[in-house]
Amino acid sequence: MFRPSRQGSHTRAPGVRVGGACRPSGEAPLSRTPRRLSAAALLLPLVLALPACGDDAEPGAVVPEAPSSGNAFPVTVTGDDGELTLDERPEAVVSMSATATEMLFAVGAGDQVEAVDSTSDFPAGAPTTDLSAFTPSAEAIAGYEPDLVVLSDDLNGVVDSLDALGIPTLLLGAADDLEEAYDQIRALGAATGHPQEAAEVVADVQERIDAAVGSVPDDAAGMRVYHELDPSYYSATSDTFIGGVYSLFGLENIADGAADQAGGYPQLSAEYVVGRAPDLVVLADTACCGETAATLAQRPAFDTVPAVQEGRVLEVDDAVASRWGPRVADLAEAVAGALRG
């Protein structure tokens, strides 16, 4: 297999790296987890909406000099760690982000993916390894001889360590909103020589989400939604990526009224949730914690909640509800189905 040289095959614009200086520690796809979460919930892939930190170009963007179509190289893309120029198409990609793994396979770069971290459980054919995104080791990653490493967080100073080894890195942190997620898909498509496929993925996701929103009756606007991250009532506000999806439907997020917003992921209480009487409950703790519509209904006083009474309790895969990749369209369609009844 041909691999571009790890030395001299990539360049970075000076002064644009942000990495850990602007982003708190957190792992892909887990960006920040409240310390009070249970052990099971610590594995939950949360999405943290984080602001950009003064970059000249938006993270995930393809800079103007990059080819707009075809597989021409060199190509320059921008991540949270600055601009990255790849002189040749990478043929041994290591993904240390479950979301990036989904994006890479979606744009047709699956054959170029040499290894993925232990949290990358989709698609089924991804070459999952014991590489840890929570405690990344540059030496372990280098063992796969990558010509591109994609990460969603810079833990243990892994980006600098990989740079020191001459290994190109692209840091794409948790997306703030759908547009940033689309930018990341485009960036990965460009970086791997699949710009057209990436454009098609973005267009498909956009069309599916638009169709899902358009399928919901107008009277669904203003309905109250409760998004549950774990059974101890951690939730997500409208300021998060997942909260932005609910906003597309015109839903009122009950977590927005929490006194302590906790960076977009407040811990509510059973009394608070029942008192806010959500019309839709989305359980994003089905895999981690075994929660179902039935277990929700068994909680004290939850039989009075409109969502329970009217059968609008949506059980979703934790990963689908927490990652900012192409499967966000699956989530939007599931939400639309629940709202249509």
C-alpha atoms as a PDB file:
ATOM      1  CA  MET A   1       0.000   0.000   0.000  1.00  0.00           C
ATOM      2  CA  PHE A   2       1.322   3.434  -0.951  1.00  0.00           C
ATOM      3  CA  ARG A   3       1.644   5.869   1.921  1.00  0.00           C
ATOM      4  CA  PRO A   4       2.674   9.518   1.657  1.00  0.00           C
ATOM      5  CA  SER A   5       5.805  10.290   3.616  1.00  0.00           C
ATOM      6  CA  ARG A   6       5.046  11.294   7.175  1.00  0.00           C
ATOM      7  CA  GLN A   7       7.786  13.887   6.924  1.00  0.00           C
ATOM      8  CA  GLY A   8       7.081  16.840   4.681  1.00  0.00           C
ATOM      9  CA  SER A   9       3.713  15.568   3.497  1.00  0.00           C
ATOM     10  CA  HIS A  10       1.782  18.145   5.476  1.00  0.00           C
ATOM     11  CA  THR A  11       2.212  21.749   6.481  1.00  0.00           C
ATOM     12  CA  ARG A  12       0.436  23.970   8.964  1.00  0.00           C
ATOM     13  CA  ALA A  13      -0.130  27.701   9.008  1.00  0.00           C
ATOM     14  CA  PRO A  14       1.644  29.195  12.026  1.00  0.00           C
ATOM     15  CA  GLY A  15      -0.310  30.575  14.920  1.00  0.00           C
ATOM     16  CA  VAL A  16      -3.600  28.850  14.252  1.00  0.00           C
ATOM     17  CA  ARG A  17      -3.460  25.847  16.539  1.00  0.00           C
ATOM     18  CA  VAL A  18      -6.002  25.963  19.313  1.00  0.00           C
ATOM     19  CA  GLY A  19      -6.242  22.386  20.554  1.00  0.00           C
ATOM     20  CA  GLY A  20      -6.454  22.066  24.320  1.00  0.00           C
ATOM     21  CA  ALA A  21      -5.819  25.753  24.891  1.00  0.00           C
ATOM     22  CA  CYS A  22      -9.416  26.584  24.038  1.00  0.00           C
ATOM     23  CA  ARG A  23     -11.154  23.267  24.578  1.00  0.00           C
ATOM     24  CA  PRO A  24     -11.497  21.531  27.938  1.00  0.00           C
ATOM     25  CA  SER A  25     -10.307  17.972  28.227  1.00  0.00           C
ATOM     26  CA  GLY A  26     -12.726  15.481  26.777  1.00  0.00           C
ATOM     27  CA  GLU A  27     -12.687  12.508  24.462  1.00  0.00           C
ATOM     28  CA  ALA A  28     -14.314  11.734  21.194  1.00  0.00           C
ATOM     29  CA  PRO A  29     -17.237  11.389  21.176  1.00  0.00           C
ATOM     30  CA  LEU A  30     -17.372  12.388  24.864  1.00  0.00           C
ATOM     31  CA  SER A  31     -16.486  16.068  25.062  1.00  0.00           C
ATOM     32  CA  ARG A  32     -17.303  16.921  28.652  1.00  0.00           C
ATOM     33  CA  THR A  33     -19.053  14.769  31.219  1.00  0.00           C
ATOM     34  CA  PRO A  34     -20.429  16.095  34.527  1.00  0.00           C
ATOM     35  CA  ARG A  35     -18.463  14.519  37.380  1.00  0.00           C
ATOM     36  CA  ARG A  36     -21.627  13.360  39.080  1.00  0.00           C
ATOM     37  CA  LEU A  37     -22.548  10.924  36.316  1.00  0.00           C
ATOM     38  CA  SER A  38     -22.707   7.229  37.083  1.00  0.00           C
ATOM     39  CA  ALA A  39     -19.999   4.873  35.819  1.00  0.00           C
ATOM     40  CA  ALA A  40     -22.287   3.643  33.065  1.00  0.00           C
ATOM     41  CA  ALA A  41     -23.093   7.170  31.992  1.00  0.00           C
ATOM     42  CA  LEU A  42     -19.387   8.048  31.804  1.00  0.00           C
ATOM     43  CA  LEU A  43     -19.342   5.969  28.663  1.00  0.00           C
ATOM     44  CA  LEU A  44     -22.177   7.979  27.176  1.00  0.00           C
ATOM     45  CA  PRO A  45     -21.044   9.958  24.120  1.00  0.00           C
ATOM     46  CA  LEU A  46     -22.225  13.461  24.849  1.00  0.00           C
ATOM     47  CA  VAL A  47     -22.025  16.289  22.427  1.00  0.00           C
ATOM     48  CA  LEU A  48     -20.677  19.567  23.794  1.00  0.00           C
ATOM     49  CA  ALA A  49     -21.278  22.758  21.866  1.00  0.00           C
ATOM     50  CA  LEU A  50     -17.992  24.653  22.076  1.00  0.00           C
ATOM     51  CA  PRO A  51     -17.195  28.045  20.509  1.00  0.00           C
ATOM     52  CA  ALA A  52     -14.409  28.597  18.037  1.00  0.00           C
ATOM     53  CA  CYS A  53     -11.280  30.205  19.458  1.00  0.00           C
ATOM     54  CA  GLY A  54     -10.188  32.921  17.078  1.00  0.00           C
ATOM     55  CA  ASP A  55      -9.112  30.799  14.112  1.00  0.00           C
ATOM     56  CA  ASP A  56      -8.766  32.547  10.762  1.00  0.00           C
ATOM     57  CA  ALA A  57     -10.906  29.804   9.236  1.00  0.00           C
ATOM     58  CA  GLU A  58     -13.745  27.841  10.734  1.00  0.00           C
ATOM     59  CA  PRO A  59     -12.703  24.367  11.989  1.00  0.00           C
ATOM     60  CA  GLY A  60     -13.705  21.717   9.512  1.00  0.00           C
ATOM     61  CA  ALA A  61     -13.673  24.118   6.596  1.00  0.00           C
ATOM     62  CA  VAL A  62     -11.890  23.554   3.319  1.00  0.00           C
ATOM     63  CA  VAL A  63      -9.789  26.646   2.657  1.00  0.00           C
ATOM     64  CA  PRO A  64     -10.293  28.425  -0.691  1.00  0.00           C
ATOM     65  CA  GLU A  65      -7.064  27.052  -2.196  1.00  0.00           C
ATOM     66  CA  ALA A  66      -8.325  23.482  -1.853  1.00  0.00           C
ATOM     67  CA  PRO A  67      -9.634  21.718  -4.971  1.00  0.00           C
ATOM     68  CA  SER A  68     -13.424  21.897  -5.075  1.00  0.00           C
ATOM     69  CA  SER A  69     -13.898  18.632  -6.912  1.00  0.00           C
ATOM     70  CA  GLY A  70     -12.072  15.510  -7.988  1.00  0.00           C
ATOM     71  CA  ASN A  71      -9.243  13.747  -6.208  1.00  0.00           C
ATOM     72  CA  ALA A  72      -6.541  16.342  -6.920  1.00  0.00           C
ATOM     73  CA  PHE A  73      -3.869  16.866  -4.296  1.00  0.00           C
ATOM     74  CA  PRO A  74      -2.410  18.748  -2.524  1.00  0.00           C
ATOM     75  CA  VAL A  75      -5.469  19.761  -0.544  1.00  0.00           C
ATOM     76  CA  THR A  76      -5.714  22.028   2.487  1.00  0.00           C
ATOM     77  CA  VAL A  77      -8.349  21.679   5.197  1.00  0.00           C
ATOM     78  CA  THR A  78      -8.787  23.455   8.510  1.00  0.00           C
ATOM     79  CA  GLY A  79      -9.320  21.765  11.849  1.00  0.00           C
ATOM     80  CA  ASP A  80      -9.288  22.948  15.434  1.00  0.00           C
ATOM     81  CA  ASP A  81      -5.499  22.454  15.350  1.00  0.00           C
ATOM     82  CA  GLY A  82      -5.015  24.740  12.360  1.00  0.00           C
ATOM     83  CA  GLU A  83      -4.605  24.310   8.623  1.00  0.00           C
ATOM     84  CA  LEU A  84      -3.445  20.957   7.306  1.00  0.00           C
ATOM     85  CA  THR A  85      -2.087  20.468   3.802  1.00  0.00           C
ATOM     86  CA  LEU A  86      -1.896  16.926   2.474  1.00  0.00           C
ATOM     87  CA  ASP A  87       0.294  16.510  -0.585  1.00  0.00           C
ATOM     88  CA  GLU A  88      -1.091  13.082  -1.454  1.00  0.00           C
ATOM     89  CA  ARG A  89      -4.207  11.086  -0.705  1.00  0.00           C
ATOM     90  CA  PRO A  90      -3.883   9.356   2.678  1.00  0.00           C
ATOM     91  CA  GLU A  91      -4.120   5.578   2.448  1.00  0.00           C
ATOM     92  CA  ALA A  92      -3.769   4.667   6.130  1.00  0.00           C
ATOM     93  CA  VAL A  93      -6.171   6.759   8.217  1.00  0.00           C
ATOM     94  CA  VAL A  94      -6.578   6.252  11.957  1.00  0.00           C
ATOM     95  CA  SER A  95      -9.771   7.652  13.476  1.00  0.00           C
ATOM     96  CA  MET A  96      -9.759   8.436  17.179  1.00  0.00           C
ATOM     97  CA  SER A  97     -13.327   9.760  17.063  1.00  0.00           C
ATOM     98  CA  ALA A  98     -16.471   7.669  16.765  1.00  0.00           C
ATOM     99  CA  THR A  99     -18.217  10.484  14.917  1.00  0.00           C
ATOM    100  CA  ALA A 100     -15.326  10.953  12.490  1.00  0.00           C
ATOM    101  CA  THR A 101     -15.349   7.205  11.834  1.00  0.00           C
ATOM    102  CA  GLU A 102     -18.997   7.401  10.790  1.00  0.00           C
ATOM    103  CA  MET A 103     -18.241  10.368   8.558  1.00  0.00           C
ATOM    104  CA  LEU A 104     -15.228   8.703   6.917  1.00  0.00           C
ATOM    105  CA  PHE A 105     -17.188   5.618   5.974  1.00  0.00           C
ATOM    106  CA  ALA A 106     -20.157   7.693   4.829  1.00  0.00           C
ATOM    107  CA  VAL A 107     -18.039   9.662   2.330  1.00  0.00           C
ATOM    108  CA  GLY A 108     -16.520   6.500   0.877  1.00  0.00           C
ATOM    109  CA  ALA A 109     -13.154   6.559   2.639  1.00  0.00           C
ATOM    110  CA  GLY A 110     -13.717   3.304   4.514  1.00  0.00           C
ATOM    111  CA  ASP A 111     -11.091   1.419   2.497  1.00  0.00           C
ATOM    112  CA  GLN A 112      -8.512   3.988   3.576  1.00  0.00           C
ATOM    113  CA  VAL A 113      -9.254   3.573   7.284  1.00  0.00           C
ATOM    114  CA  GLU A 114      -6.525   1.444   8.848  1.00  0.00           C
ATOM    115  CA  ALA A 115      -7.771   1.528  12.456  1.00  0.00           C
ATOM    116  CA  VAL A 116     -10.349   3.186  14.681  1.00  0.00           C
ATOM    117  CA  ASP A 117     -10.554   3.692  18.418  1.00  0.00           C
ATOM    118  CA  SER A 118     -12.438   1.410  20.794  1.00  0.00           C
ATOM    119  CA  THR A 119     -15.558   3.614  20.898  1.00  0.00           C
ATOM    120  CA  SER A 120     -16.062   3.525  17.120  1.00  0.00           C
ATOM    121  CA  ASP A 121     -18.853   0.979  16.900  1.00  0.00           C
ATOM    122  CA  PHE A 122     -20.424   2.089  13.608  1.00  0.00           C
ATOM    123  CA  PRO A 123     -20.467   1.000  10.879  1.00  0.00           C
ATOM    124  CA  ALA A 124     -20.124  -2.667  11.699  1.00  0.00           C
ATOM    125  CA  GLY A 125     -17.198  -3.094   9.313  1.00  0.00           C
ATOM    126  CA  ALA A 126     -15.023  -0.441  10.945  1.00  0.00           C
ATOM    127  CA  PRO A 127     -11.611  -1.822  12.015  1.00  0.00           C
ATOM    128  CA  THR A 128     -12.136  -1.312  15.738  1.00  0.00           C
ATOM    129  CA  THR A 129      -9.034  -1.681  17.915  1.00  0.00           C
ATOM    130  CA  ASP A 130      -8.134  -1.230  21.569  1.00  0.00           C
ATOM    131  CA  LEU A 131      -6.850   2.294  20.894  1.00  0.00           C
ATOM    132  CA  SER A 132      -8.292   4.503  23.623  1.00  0.00           C
ATOM    133  CA  ALA A 133      -9.693   7.909  22.756  1.00  0.00           C
ATOM    134  CA  PHE A 134      -9.946   8.621  26.492  1.00  0.00           C
ATOM    135  CA  THR A 135      -6.209   8.069  27.102  1.00  0.00           C
ATOM    136  CA  PRO A 136      -4.690   8.306  23.625  1.00  0.00           C
ATOM    137  CA  SER A 137      -1.131   7.132  23.087  1.00  0.00           C
ATOM    138  CA  ALA A 138       0.790   8.637  20.186  1.00  0.00           C
ATOM    139  CA  GLU A 139       3.101   5.643  20.172  1.00  0.00           C
ATOM    140  CA  ALA A 140       0.202   3.183  19.937  1.00  0.00           C
ATOM    141  CA  ILE A 141      -1.375   5.199  17.139  1.00  0.00           C
ATOM    142  CA  ALA A 142       1.946   5.426  15.295  1.00  0.00           C
ATOM    143  CA  GLY A 143       2.140   1.642  15.342  1.00  0.00           C
ATOM    144  CA  TYR A 144      -0.471   1.614  12.577  1.00  0.00           C
ATOM    145  CA  GLU A 145       1.803   3.767  10.372  1.00  0.00           C
ATOM    146  CA  PRO A 146      -0.929   6.325   9.634  1.00  0.00           C
ATOM    147  CA  ASP A 147      -0.609   9.082   7.093  1.00  0.00           C
ATOM    148  CA  LEU A 148      -3.586  10.869   8.687  1.00  0.00           C
ATOM    149  CA  VAL A 149      -5.028  10.774  12.200  1.00  0.00           C
ATOM    150  CA  VAL A 150      -8.469  12.271  12.878  1.00  0.00           C
ATOM    151  CA  LEU A 151      -9.410  13.209  16.456  1.00  0.00           C
ATOM    152  CA  SER A 152     -12.217  15.042  18.208  1.00  0.00           C
ATOM    153  CA  ASP A 153     -10.195  16.078  21.254  1.00  0.00           C
ATOM    154  CA  ASP A 154      -6.575  16.730  22.152  1.00  0.00           C
ATOM    155  CA  LEU A 155      -6.051  14.687  25.297  1.00  0.00           C
ATOM    156  CA  ASN A 156      -2.604  14.000  26.733  1.00  0.00           C
ATOM    157  CA  GLY A 157      -1.150  16.462  24.236  1.00  0.00           C
ATOM    158  CA  VAL A 158      -1.549  13.763  21.606  1.00  0.00           C
ATOM    159  CA  VAL A 159      -1.668  16.222  18.692  1.00  0.00           C
ATOM    160  CA  ASP A 160       1.753  17.680  19.523  1.00  0.00           C
ATOM    161  CA  SER A 161       3.119  14.181  20.073  1.00  0.00           C
ATOM    162  CA  LEU A 162       1.861  13.017  16.689  1.00  0.00           C
ATOM    163  CA  ASP A 163       3.223  16.173  15.046  1.00  0.00           C
ATOM    164  CA  ALA A 164       6.610  15.421  16.575  1.00  0.00           C
ATOM    165  CA  LEU A 165       6.469  12.026  14.869  1.00  0.00           C
ATOM    166  CA  GLY A 166       5.651  13.655  11.542  1.00  0.00           C
ATOM    167  CA  ILE A 167       2.121  12.248  11.475  1.00  0.00           C
ATOM    168  CA  PRO A 168      -0.556  14.569  10.020  1.00  0.00           C
ATOM    169  CA  THR A 169      -3.474  15.227  12.356  1.00  0.00           C
ATOM    170  CA  LEU A 170      -6.908  16.735  11.831  1.00  0.00           C
ATOM    171  CA  LEU A 171      -8.679  17.764  15.030  1.00  0.00           C
ATOM    172  CA  LEU A 172     -12.438  18.117  14.560  1.00  0.00           C
ATOM    173  CA  GLY A 173     -14.137  18.778  17.885  1.00  0.00           C
ATOM    174  CA  ALA A 174     -17.788  18.471  18.777  1.00  0.00           C
ATOM    175  CA  ALA A 175     -19.917  20.478  16.359  1.00  0.00           C
ATOM    176  CA  ASP A 176     -21.897  23.447  17.651  1.00  0.00           C
ATOM    177  CA  ASP A 177     -24.649  22.988  15.093  1.00  0.00           C
ATOM    178  CA  LEU A 178     -25.622  21.202  11.903  1.00  0.00           C
ATOM    179  CA  GLU A 179     -23.678  23.590   9.661  1.00  0.00           C
ATOM    180  CA  GLU A 180     -20.455  22.813  11.523  1.00  0.00           C
ATOM    181  CA  ALA A 181     -21.186  19.105  11.253  1.00  0.00           C
ATOM    182  CA  TYR A 182     -21.654  19.513   7.506  1.00  0.00           C
ATOM    183  CA  ASP A 183     -18.337  21.393   7.309  1.00  0.00           C
ATOM    184  CA  GLN A 184     -16.600  18.494   9.022  1.00  0.00           C
ATOM    185  CA  ILE A 185     -18.060  15.998   6.563  1.00  0.00           C
ATOM    186  CA  ARG A 186     -16.838  18.151   3.689  1.00  0.00           C
ATOM    187  CA  ALA A 187     -13.391  18.523   5.272  1.00  0.00           C
ATOM    188  CA  LEU A 188     -12.990  14.763   5.707  1.00  0.00           C
ATOM    189  CA  GLY A 189     -14.181  14.215   2.157  1.00  0.00           C
ATOM    190  CA  ALA A 190     -11.594  16.669   0.838  1.00  0.00           C
ATOM    191  CA  ALA A 191      -8.807  15.290   3.051  1.00  0.00           C
ATOM    192  CA  THR A 192      -9.384  11.732   1.844  1.00  0.00           C
ATOM    193  CA  GLY A 193     -10.002  12.473  -1.823  1.00  0.00           C
ATOM    194  CA  HIS A 194     -13.802  12.163  -1.731  1.00  0.00           C
ATOM    195  CA  PRO A 195     -15.120  15.743  -2.013  1.00  0.00           C
ATOM    196  CA  GLN A 196     -18.013  14.885  -4.310  1.00  0.00           C
ATOM    197  CA  GLU A 197     -19.154  11.982  -2.151  1.00  0.00           C
ATOM    198  CA  ALA A 198     -19.008  14.258   0.904  1.00  0.00           C
ATOM    199  CA  ALA A 199     -21.142  16.859  -0.852  1.00  0.00           C
ATOM    200  CA  GLU A 200     -23.679  14.160  -1.669  1.00  0.00           C
ATOM    201  CA  VAL A 201     -23.756  12.972   1.959  1.00  0.00           C
ATOM    202  CA  VAL A 202     -24.377  16.511   3.196  1.00  0.00           C
ATOM    203  CA  ALA A 203     -27.120  17.058   0.627  1.00  0.00           C
ATOM    204  CA  ASP A 204     -28.795  13.776   1.579  1.00  0.00           C
ATOM    205  CA  VAL A 205     -28.715  14.568   5.308  1.00  0.00           C
ATOM    206  CA  GLN A 206     -30.080  18.056   4.680  1.00  0.00           C
ATOM    207  CA  GLU A 207     -32.891  16.743   2.492  1.00  0.00           C
ATOM    208  CA  ARG A 208     -33.866  14.059   4.987  1.00  0.00           C
ATOM    209  CA  ILE A 209     -33.927  16.497   7.903  1.00  0.00           C
ATOM    210  CA  ASP A 210     -35.928  19.056   5.911  1.00  0.00           C
ATOM    211  CA  ALA A 211     -38.414  16.348   4.919  1.00  0.00           C
ATOM    212  CA  ALA A 212     -38.700  15.152   8.521  1.00  0.00           C
ATOM    213  CA  VAL A 213     -39.388  18.659   9.809  1.00  0.00           C
ATOM    214  CA  GLY A 214     -41.862  19.305   7.005  1.00  0.00           C
ATOM    215  CA  SER A 215     -43.781  16.110   7.787  1.00  0.00           C
ATOM    216  CA  VAL A 216     -44.761  17.257  11.267  1.00  0.00           C
ATOM    217  CA  PRO A 217     -48.110  19.036  11.776  1.00  0.00           C
ATOM    218  CA  ASP A 218     -47.919  22.732  12.539  1.00  0.00           C
ATOM    219  CA  ASP A 219     -49.510  22.230  15.944  1.00  0.00           C
ATOM    220  CA  ALA A 220     -46.398  20.335  17.085  1.00  0.00           C
ATOM    221  CA  ALA A 221     -44.587  23.663  17.428  1.00  0.00           C
ATOM    222  CA  GLY A 222     -44.405  24.666  21.074  1.00  0.00           C
ATOM    223  CA  MET A 223     -44.639  21.117  22.401  1.00  0.00           C
ATOM    224  CA  ARG A 224     -42.303  20.467  25.323  1.00  0.00           C
ATOM    225  CA  VAL A 225     -39.450  17.962  24.969  1.00  0.00           C
ATOM    226  CA  TYR A 226     -37.282  16.270  27.581  1.00  0.00           C
ATOM    227  CA  HIS A 227     -34.052  14.663  26.341  1.00  0.00           C
ATOM    228  CA  GLU A 228     -32.670  12.169  28.859  1.00  0.00           C
ATOM    229  CA  LEU A 229     -28.963  11.368  28.844  1.00  0.00           C
ATOM    230  CA  ASP A 230     -29.063   9.036  31.827  1.00  0.00           C
ATOM    231  CA  PRO A 231     -31.519   7.981  34.546  1.00  0.00           C
ATOM    232  CA  SER A 232     -30.175  10.592  36.968  1.00  0.00           C
ATOM    233  CA  TYR A 233     -31.833  13.210  34.754  1.00  0.00           C
ATOM    234  CA  TYR A 234     -28.891  14.767  32.965  1.00  0.00           C
ATOM    235  CA  SER A 235     -30.262  16.477  29.896  1.00  0.00           C
ATOM    236  CA  ALA A 236     -29.249  18.775  27.013  1.00  0.00           C
ATOM    237  CA  THR A 237     -30.347  22.361  26.419  1.00  0.00           C
ATOM    238  CA  SER A 238     -31.069  24.136  23.150  1.00  0.00           C
ATOM    239  CA  ASP A 239     -27.480  25.432  23.170  1.00  0.00           C
ATOM    240  CA  THR A 240     -26.140  21.963  22.373  1.00  0.00           C
ATOM    241  CA  PHE A 241     -25.977  20.205  19.033  1.00  0.00           C
ATOM    242  CA  ILE A 242     -28.777  17.800  19.951  1.00  0.00           C
ATOM    243  CA  GLY A 243     -30.876  20.660  21.335  1.00  0.00           C
ATOM    244  CA  GLY A 244     -30.533  22.399  18.003  1.00  0.00           C
ATOM    245  CA  VAL A 245     -32.233  19.454  16.315  1.00  0.00           C
ATOM    246  CA  TYR A 246     -35.281  19.872  18.542  1.00  0.00           C
ATOM    247  CA  SER A 247     -35.320  23.587  17.757  1.00  0.00           C
ATOM    248  CA  LEU A 248     -35.798  22.763  14.081  1.00  0.00           C
ATOM    249  CA  PHE A 249     -39.178  21.294  15.023  1.00  0.00           C
ATOM    250  CA  GLY A 250     -40.119  24.348  17.088  1.00  0.00           C
ATOM    251  CA  LEU A 251     -40.092  22.337  20.320  1.00  0.00           C
ATOM    252  CA  GLU A 252     -39.704  23.894  23.757  1.00  0.00           C
ATOM    253  CA  ASN A 253     -36.802  22.228  25.572  1.00  0.00           C
ATOM    254  CA  ILE A 254     -37.573  21.896  29.272  1.00  0.00           C
ATOM    255  CA  ALA A 255     -33.844  21.799  30.107  1.00  0.00           C
ATOM    256  CA  ASP A 256     -33.576  25.443  29.032  1.00  0.00           C
ATOM    257  CA  GLY A 257     -35.290  26.413  32.274  1.00  0.00           C
ATOM    258  CA  ALA A 258     -32.738  24.731  34.539  1.00  0.00           C
ATOM    259  CA  ALA A 259     -31.145  27.070  37.065  1.00  0.00           C
ATOM    260  CA  ASP A 260     -27.673  25.611  36.464  1.00  0.00           C
ATOM    261  CA  GLN A 261     -27.087  25.174  32.742  1.00  0.00           C
ATOM    262  CA  ALA A 262     -23.837  23.228  33.343  1.00  0.00           C
ATOM    263  CA  GLY A 263     -22.402  24.040  29.942  1.00  0.00           C
ATOM    264  CA  GLY A 264     -25.538  22.889  28.174  1.00  0.00           C
ATOM    265  CA  TYR A 265     -25.903  19.626  30.093  1.00  0.00           C
ATOM    266  CA  PRO A 266     -27.793  20.352  33.329  1.00  0.00           C
ATOM    267  CA  GLN A 267     -28.877  17.733  35.826  1.00  0.00           C
ATOM    268  CA  LEU A 268     -32.599  18.042  36.340  1.00  0.00           C
ATOM    269  CA  SER A 269     -34.708  16.263  38.940  1.00  0.00           C
ATOM    270  CA  ALA A 270     -37.649  13.921  38.697  1.00  0.00           C
ATOM    271  CA  GLU A 271     -39.846  16.569  40.254  1.00  0.00           C
ATOM    272  CA  TYR A 272     -38.675  19.174  37.749  1.00  0.00           C
ATOM    273  CA  VAL A 273     -39.329  16.921  34.762  1.00  0.00           C
ATOM    274  CA  VAL A 274     -42.776  15.895  35.968  1.00  0.00           C
ATOM    275  CA  GLY A 275     -43.625  19.506  36.780  1.00  0.00           C
ATOM    276  CA  ARG A 276     -42.679  20.696  33.301  1.00  0.00           C
ATOM    277  CA  ALA A 277     -45.010  18.062  31.802  1.00  0.00           C
ATOM    278  CA  PRO A 278     -43.104  17.242  28.599  1.00  0.00           C
ATOM    279  CA  ASP A 279     -45.168  16.223  25.584  1.00  0.00           C
ATOM    280  CA  LEU A 280     -42.247  14.255  24.143  1.00  0.00           C
ATOM    281  CA  VAL A 281     -39.570  12.317  26.017  1.00  0.00           C
ATOM    282  CA  VAL A 282     -36.491  11.120  24.142  1.00  0.00           C
ATOM    283  CA  LEU A 283     -34.597   8.405  25.977  1.00  0.00           C
ATOM    284  CA  ALA A 284     -30.939   8.491  24.924  1.00  0.00           C
ATOM    285  CA  ASP A 285     -29.980   6.042  27.676  1.00  0.00           C
ATOM    286  CA  THR A 286     -31.372   2.849  26.215  1.00  0.00           C
ATOM    287  CA  ALA A 287     -27.995   1.208  25.537  1.00  0.00           C
ATOM    288  CA  CYS A 288     -26.019   2.483  28.500  1.00  0.00           C
ATOM    289  CA  CYS A 289     -28.701   2.059  31.109  1.00  0.00           C
ATOM    290  CA  GLY A 290     -31.519  -0.088  29.717  1.00  0.00           C
ATOM    291  CA  GLU A 291     -34.148   2.630  29.930  1.00  0.00           C
ATOM    292  CA  THR A 292     -37.395   2.126  28.022  1.00  0.00           C
ATOM    293  CA  ALA A 293     -40.842   3.665  27.811  1.00  0.00           C
ATOM    294  CA  ALA A 294     -41.954   1.018  30.308  1.00  0.00           C
ATOM    295  CA  THR A 295     -39.257   1.808  32.882  1.00  0.00           C
ATOM    296  CA  LEU A 296     -39.973   5.525  32.506  1.00  0.00           C
ATOM    297  CA  ALA A 297     -43.672   4.982  33.187  1.00  0.00           C
ATOM    298  CA  GLN A 298     -42.817   3.065  36.360  1.00  0.00           C
ATOM    299  CA  ARG A 299     -41.036   6.020  37.942  1.00  0.00           C
ATOM    300  CA  PRO A 300     -43.054   7.770  40.658  1.00  0.00           C
ATOM    301  CA  ALA A 301     -45.536  10.317  39.241  1.00  0.00           C
ATOM    302  CA  PHE A 302     -44.385   9.810  35.641  1.00  0.00           C
ATOM    303  CA  ASP A 303     -47.731   8.291  34.758  1.00  0.00           C
ATOM    304  CA  THR A 304     -49.031  11.884  34.898  1.00  0.00           C
ATOM    305  CA  VAL A 305     -46.603  13.119  32.229  1.00  0.00           C
ATOM    306  CA  PRO A 306     -48.359  13.862  28.907  1.00  0.00           C
ATOM    307  CA  ALA A 307     -45.648  12.094  26.879  1.00  0.00           C
ATOM    308  CA  VAL A 308     -46.240   8.905  28.870  1.00  0.00           C
ATOM    309  CA  GLN A 309     -50.005   9.185  28.768  1.00  0.00           C
ATOM    310  CA  GLU A 310     -50.068   9.831  25.012  1.00  0.00           C
ATOM    311  CA  GLY A 311     -47.393   7.345  24.004  1.00  0.00           C
ATOM    312  CA  ARG A 312     -44.781   9.858  22.865  1.00  0.00           C
ATOM    313  CA  VAL A 313     -41.740   8.313  24.539  1.00  0.00           C
ATOM    314  CA  LEU A 314     -39.016   7.799  21.945  1.00  0.00           C
ATOM    315  CA  GLU A 315     -36.360   5.163  22.620  1.00  0.00           C
ATOM    316  CA  VAL A 316     -33.217   5.944  20.634  1.00  0.00           C
ATOM    317  CA  ASP A 317     -29.736   4.484  20.327  1.00  0.00           C
ATOM    318  CA  ASP A 318     -27.434   6.453  22.628  1.00  0.00           C
ATOM    319  CA  ALA A 319     -24.835   6.891  19.888  1.00  0.00           C
ATOM    320  CA  VAL A 320     -27.320   8.085  17.269  1.00  0.00           C
ATOM    321  CA  ALA A 321     -28.646  10.669  19.708  1.00  0.00           C
ATOM    322  CA  SER A 322     -25.223  11.873  20.804  1.00  0.00           C
ATOM    323  CA  ARG A 323     -22.973  12.022  17.734  1.00  0.00           C
ATOM    324  CA  TRP A 324     -22.970  14.795  15.174  1.00  0.00           C
ATOM    325  CA  GLY A 325     -22.441  12.589  12.137  1.00  0.00           C
ATOM    326  CA  PRO A 326     -24.699  11.612   9.226  1.00  0.00           C
ATOM    327  CA  ARG A 327     -27.031   9.575  11.441  1.00  0.00           C
ATOM    328  CA  VAL A 328     -28.446  12.809  12.839  1.00  0.00           C
ATOM    329  CA  ALA A 329     -30.926  12.419   9.971  1.00  0.00           C
ATOM    330  CA  ASP A 330     -32.058   9.119  11.523  1.00  0.00           C
ATOM    331  CA  LEU A 331     -32.711  10.946  14.774  1.00  0.00           C
ATOM    332  CA  ALA A 332     -34.652  13.737  13.063  1.00  0.00           C
ATOM    333  CA  GLU A 333     -36.821  11.175  11.301  1.00  0.00           C
ATOM    334  CA  ALA A 334     -37.469   9.328  14.555  1.00  0.00           C
ATOM    335  CA  VAL A 335     -38.456  12.565  16.301  1.00  0.00           C
ATOM    336  CA  ALA A 336     -40.785  13.418  13.418  1.00  0.00           C
ATOM    337  CA  GLY A 337     -42.413  10.005  13.661  1.00  0.00           C
ATOM    338  CA  ALA A 338     -43.022  10.433  17.383  1.00  0.00           C
ATOM    339  CA  LEU A 339     -44.510  13.887  16.875  1.00  0.00           C
ATOM    340  CA  ARG A 340     -46.804  12.629  14.121  1.00  0.00           C
ATOM    341  CA  GLY A 341     -48.004   9.903  16.474  1.00  0.00           C
END
